């Protein structure tokens, strides 16, 4: 899954997503927030994810978002 695919899939899940540029986006769900970022160049890059969860979160949405982000981290960016 590429960056655009992650953005679209999170949006379909009901998570608000704001893409800051081609390499960074922020998202807010029910009780959680975070950002995804690509660092490096086209040949060597790192996928960085920061996420915060408060005590009042929607469990199903959070778990699904974490699964999608983990899938994005494992995939090769195209």
N, C-alpha and C. Protein backbone atom coordinates (compact mmCIF):
# COMPACT_ATOMS: atom_id res chain seq x y z
N UNK A 1 0.85 -1.17 0.00
CA UNK A 1 0.00 0.00 0.00
C UNK A 1 0.90 1.24 0.00
N UNK A 2 0.60 2.17 -0.89
CA UNK A 2 1.38 3.40 -0.93
C UNK A 2 0.74 4.47 -0.05
N UNK A 3 1.38 5.63 0.01
CA UNK A 3 0.95 6.73 0.87
C UNK A 3 -0.48 7.17 0.53
N UNK A 4 -0.77 7.31 -0.76
CA UNK A 4 -2.11 7.73 -1.19
C UNK A 4 -3.16 6.68 -0.82
N UNK A 5 -2.82 5.41 -0.98
CA UNK A 5 -3.73 4.34 -0.61
C UNK A 5 -4.03 4.33 0.88
N UNK A 6 -3.01 4.58 1.70
CA UNK A 6 -3.22 4.65 3.15
C UNK A 6 -4.15 5.80 3.49
N UNK A 7 -3.94 6.95 2.87
CA UNK A 7 -4.80 8.11 3.12
C UNK A 7 -6.25 7.80 2.77
N UNK A 8 -6.49 7.22 1.61
CA UNK A 8 -7.85 6.91 1.18
C UNK A 8 -8.50 5.87 2.09
N UNK A 9 -7.75 4.85 2.47
CA UNK A 9 -8.30 3.79 3.31
C UNK A 9 -8.63 4.29 4.71
N UNK A 10 -7.76 5.12 5.29
CA UNK A 10 -8.06 5.71 6.59
C UNK A 10 -9.29 6.60 6.52
N UNK A 11 -9.42 7.37 5.44
CA UNK A 11 -10.57 8.24 5.27
C UNK A 11 -11.86 7.42 5.19
N UNK A 12 -11.83 6.30 4.47
CA UNK A 12 -13.00 5.42 4.37
C UNK A 12 -13.35 4.79 5.71
N UNK A 13 -12.38 4.70 6.60
CA UNK A 13 -12.59 4.15 7.93
C UNK A 13 -13.22 5.17 8.88
N UNK A 14 -13.31 6.43 8.44
CA UNK A 14 -13.88 7.48 9.27
C UNK A 14 -12.84 8.29 10.02
N UNK A 15 -11.58 8.13 9.65
CA UNK A 15 -10.49 8.89 10.26
C UNK A 15 -10.26 10.15 9.43
N UNK A 16 -10.14 11.28 10.09
CA UNK A 16 -9.86 12.54 9.37
C UNK A 16 -8.37 12.58 9.04
N UNK A 17 -8.05 12.80 7.77
CA UNK A 17 -6.66 12.79 7.31
C UNK A 17 -6.35 14.12 6.62
N UNK A 18 -5.18 14.67 6.95
CA UNK A 18 -4.69 15.87 6.29
C UNK A 18 -3.30 15.56 5.76
N UNK A 19 -3.14 15.66 4.45
CA UNK A 19 -1.83 15.42 3.85
C UNK A 19 -1.11 16.76 3.77
N UNK A 20 0.04 16.87 4.47
CA UNK A 20 0.79 18.11 4.53
C UNK A 20 1.64 18.32 3.29
N UNK A 21 2.20 17.24 2.76
CA UNK A 21 2.98 17.26 1.52
C UNK A 21 3.06 15.83 1.00
N UNK A 22 3.92 15.55 0.03
CA UNK A 22 4.01 14.19 -0.52
C UNK A 22 4.64 13.20 0.44
N UNK A 23 5.19 13.68 1.54
CA UNK A 23 5.93 12.81 2.45
C UNK A 23 5.39 12.79 3.87
N UNK A 24 4.35 13.55 4.16
CA UNK A 24 3.87 13.63 5.54
C UNK A 24 2.36 13.86 5.58
N UNK A 25 1.68 13.11 6.48
CA UNK A 25 0.26 13.34 6.69
C UNK A 25 -0.06 13.14 8.16
N UNK A 26 -1.11 13.79 8.58
CA UNK A 26 -1.61 13.67 9.95
C UNK A 26 -3.02 13.11 9.91
N UNK A 27 -3.38 12.40 10.98
CA UNK A 27 -4.72 11.81 11.04
C UNK A 27 -5.27 11.91 12.45
N UNK A 28 -6.60 11.98 12.54
CA UNK A 28 -7.30 12.06 13.82
C UNK A 28 -8.50 11.14 13.74
N UNK A 29 -8.59 10.24 14.71
CA UNK A 29 -9.72 9.33 14.79
C UNK A 29 -10.47 9.55 16.09
N UNK A 30 -11.29 8.61 16.46
CA UNK A 30 -12.08 8.70 17.69
C UNK A 30 -11.19 8.34 18.89
N UNK A 31 -10.55 9.35 19.46
CA UNK A 31 -9.71 9.14 20.64
C UNK A 31 -8.25 8.88 20.35
N UNK A 32 -7.82 9.07 19.13
CA UNK A 32 -6.40 8.89 18.79
C UNK A 32 -6.00 9.85 17.67
N UNK A 33 -4.72 10.11 17.60
CA UNK A 33 -4.19 11.00 16.57
C UNK A 33 -2.76 10.59 16.28
N UNK A 34 -2.28 10.97 15.10
CA UNK A 34 -0.90 10.64 14.77
C UNK A 34 -0.49 11.21 13.44
N UNK A 35 0.71 10.81 13.02
CA UNK A 35 1.22 11.23 11.73
C UNK A 35 2.09 10.14 11.13
N UNK A 36 2.12 10.10 9.82
CA UNK A 36 2.96 9.18 9.06
C UNK A 36 3.87 10.03 8.19
N UNK A 37 5.12 9.58 8.09
CA UNK A 37 6.10 10.38 7.35
C UNK A 37 7.10 9.47 6.65
N UNK A 38 7.48 9.84 5.45
CA UNK A 38 8.55 9.17 4.72
C UNK A 38 9.80 10.03 4.86
N UNK A 39 10.87 9.45 5.38
CA UNK A 39 12.13 10.17 5.55
C UNK A 39 13.21 9.53 4.70
N UNK A 40 14.01 10.31 4.02
CA UNK A 40 15.10 9.78 3.22
C UNK A 40 14.93 10.16 1.76
N UNK A 41 15.53 9.33 0.89
CA UNK A 41 15.42 9.59 -0.55
C UNK A 41 14.69 8.42 -1.21
N UNK A 42 14.61 8.42 -2.52
CA UNK A 42 13.83 7.39 -3.22
C UNK A 42 14.40 5.99 -3.05
N UNK A 43 15.70 5.87 -2.93
CA UNK A 43 16.30 4.53 -2.80
C UNK A 43 16.33 4.04 -1.35
N UNK A 44 16.60 4.94 -0.43
CA UNK A 44 16.65 4.58 0.99
C UNK A 44 15.76 5.50 1.78
N UNK A 45 14.75 4.93 2.40
CA UNK A 45 13.83 5.74 3.18
C UNK A 45 13.36 4.96 4.39
N UNK A 46 12.83 5.68 5.35
CA UNK A 46 12.28 5.11 6.57
C UNK A 46 10.84 5.60 6.68
N UNK A 47 9.96 4.73 7.09
CA UNK A 47 8.57 5.11 7.32
C UNK A 47 8.40 5.33 8.83
N UNK A 48 8.16 6.56 9.19
CA UNK A 48 8.05 6.94 10.59
C UNK A 48 6.58 7.16 10.94
N UNK A 49 6.14 6.57 12.04
CA UNK A 49 4.76 6.74 12.50
C UNK A 49 4.79 7.15 13.97
N UNK A 50 4.07 8.21 14.26
CA UNK A 50 3.87 8.64 15.64
C UNK A 50 2.37 8.57 15.90
N UNK A 51 1.99 8.05 17.06
CA UNK A 51 0.57 7.91 17.35
C UNK A 51 0.34 8.08 18.84
N UNK A 52 -0.71 8.81 19.19
CA UNK A 52 -1.10 9.00 20.58
C UNK A 52 -2.55 8.54 20.74
N UNK A 53 -2.83 7.90 21.86
CA UNK A 53 -4.17 7.39 22.14
C UNK A 53 -4.58 7.90 23.52
N UNK A 54 -5.80 8.44 23.62
CA UNK A 54 -6.27 8.83 24.95
C UNK A 54 -7.11 7.71 25.55
N UNK A 55 -7.59 7.92 26.76
CA UNK A 55 -8.29 6.84 27.46
C UNK A 55 -9.71 6.60 26.94
N UNK A 56 -10.25 7.52 26.18
CA UNK A 56 -11.60 7.38 25.65
C UNK A 56 -11.53 7.24 24.13
N UNK A 57 -11.23 6.03 23.66
CA UNK A 57 -11.08 5.81 22.22
C UNK A 57 -12.05 4.74 21.74
N UNK A 58 -12.30 4.77 20.44
CA UNK A 58 -13.16 3.77 19.81
C UNK A 58 -12.28 2.59 19.40
N UNK A 59 -12.41 1.49 20.11
CA UNK A 59 -11.50 0.35 19.97
C UNK A 59 -11.41 -0.18 18.54
N UNK A 60 -12.53 -0.44 17.90
CA UNK A 60 -12.52 -1.04 16.56
C UNK A 60 -11.81 -0.14 15.54
N UNK A 61 -12.10 1.17 15.60
CA UNK A 61 -11.48 2.09 14.66
C UNK A 61 -9.97 2.18 14.90
N UNK A 62 -9.55 2.22 16.16
CA UNK A 62 -8.13 2.30 16.48
C UNK A 62 -7.39 1.05 16.01
N UNK A 63 -7.93 -0.12 16.29
CA UNK A 63 -7.27 -1.37 15.90
C UNK A 63 -7.17 -1.46 14.38
N UNK A 64 -8.21 -1.12 13.68
CA UNK A 64 -8.18 -1.17 12.20
C UNK A 64 -7.17 -0.18 11.64
N UNK A 65 -7.13 1.04 12.21
CA UNK A 65 -6.16 2.04 11.77
C UNK A 65 -4.74 1.54 12.02
N UNK A 66 -4.48 0.93 13.16
CA UNK A 66 -3.15 0.40 13.46
C UNK A 66 -2.77 -0.70 12.49
N UNK A 67 -3.72 -1.55 12.14
CA UNK A 67 -3.46 -2.62 11.16
C UNK A 67 -3.10 -2.03 9.79
N UNK A 68 -3.85 -1.02 9.36
CA UNK A 68 -3.57 -0.39 8.07
C UNK A 68 -2.20 0.28 8.05
N UNK A 69 -1.86 0.96 9.13
CA UNK A 69 -0.57 1.64 9.21
C UNK A 69 0.56 0.62 9.24
N UNK A 70 0.38 -0.49 9.95
CA UNK A 70 1.40 -1.54 9.97
C UNK A 70 1.58 -2.14 8.58
N UNK A 71 0.49 -2.33 7.85
CA UNK A 71 0.56 -2.85 6.47
C UNK A 71 1.33 -1.86 5.59
N UNK A 72 1.06 -0.56 5.75
CA UNK A 72 1.77 0.47 4.98
C UNK A 72 3.26 0.44 5.30
N UNK A 73 3.60 0.26 6.57
CA UNK A 73 5.01 0.24 6.97
C UNK A 73 5.75 -0.96 6.36
N UNK A 74 5.07 -2.08 6.23
CA UNK A 74 5.70 -3.28 5.68
C UNK A 74 5.85 -3.24 4.16
N UNK A 75 5.00 -2.48 3.50
CA UNK A 75 5.01 -2.46 2.03
C UNK A 75 6.09 -1.54 1.49
N UNK A 76 6.42 -1.75 0.23
CA UNK A 76 7.37 -0.87 -0.45
C UNK A 76 6.61 0.29 -1.06
N UNK A 77 7.15 1.48 -0.90
CA UNK A 77 6.50 2.68 -1.44
C UNK A 77 6.71 2.73 -2.95
N UNK A 78 5.66 3.06 -3.67
CA UNK A 78 5.77 3.14 -5.14
C UNK A 78 5.22 4.45 -5.61
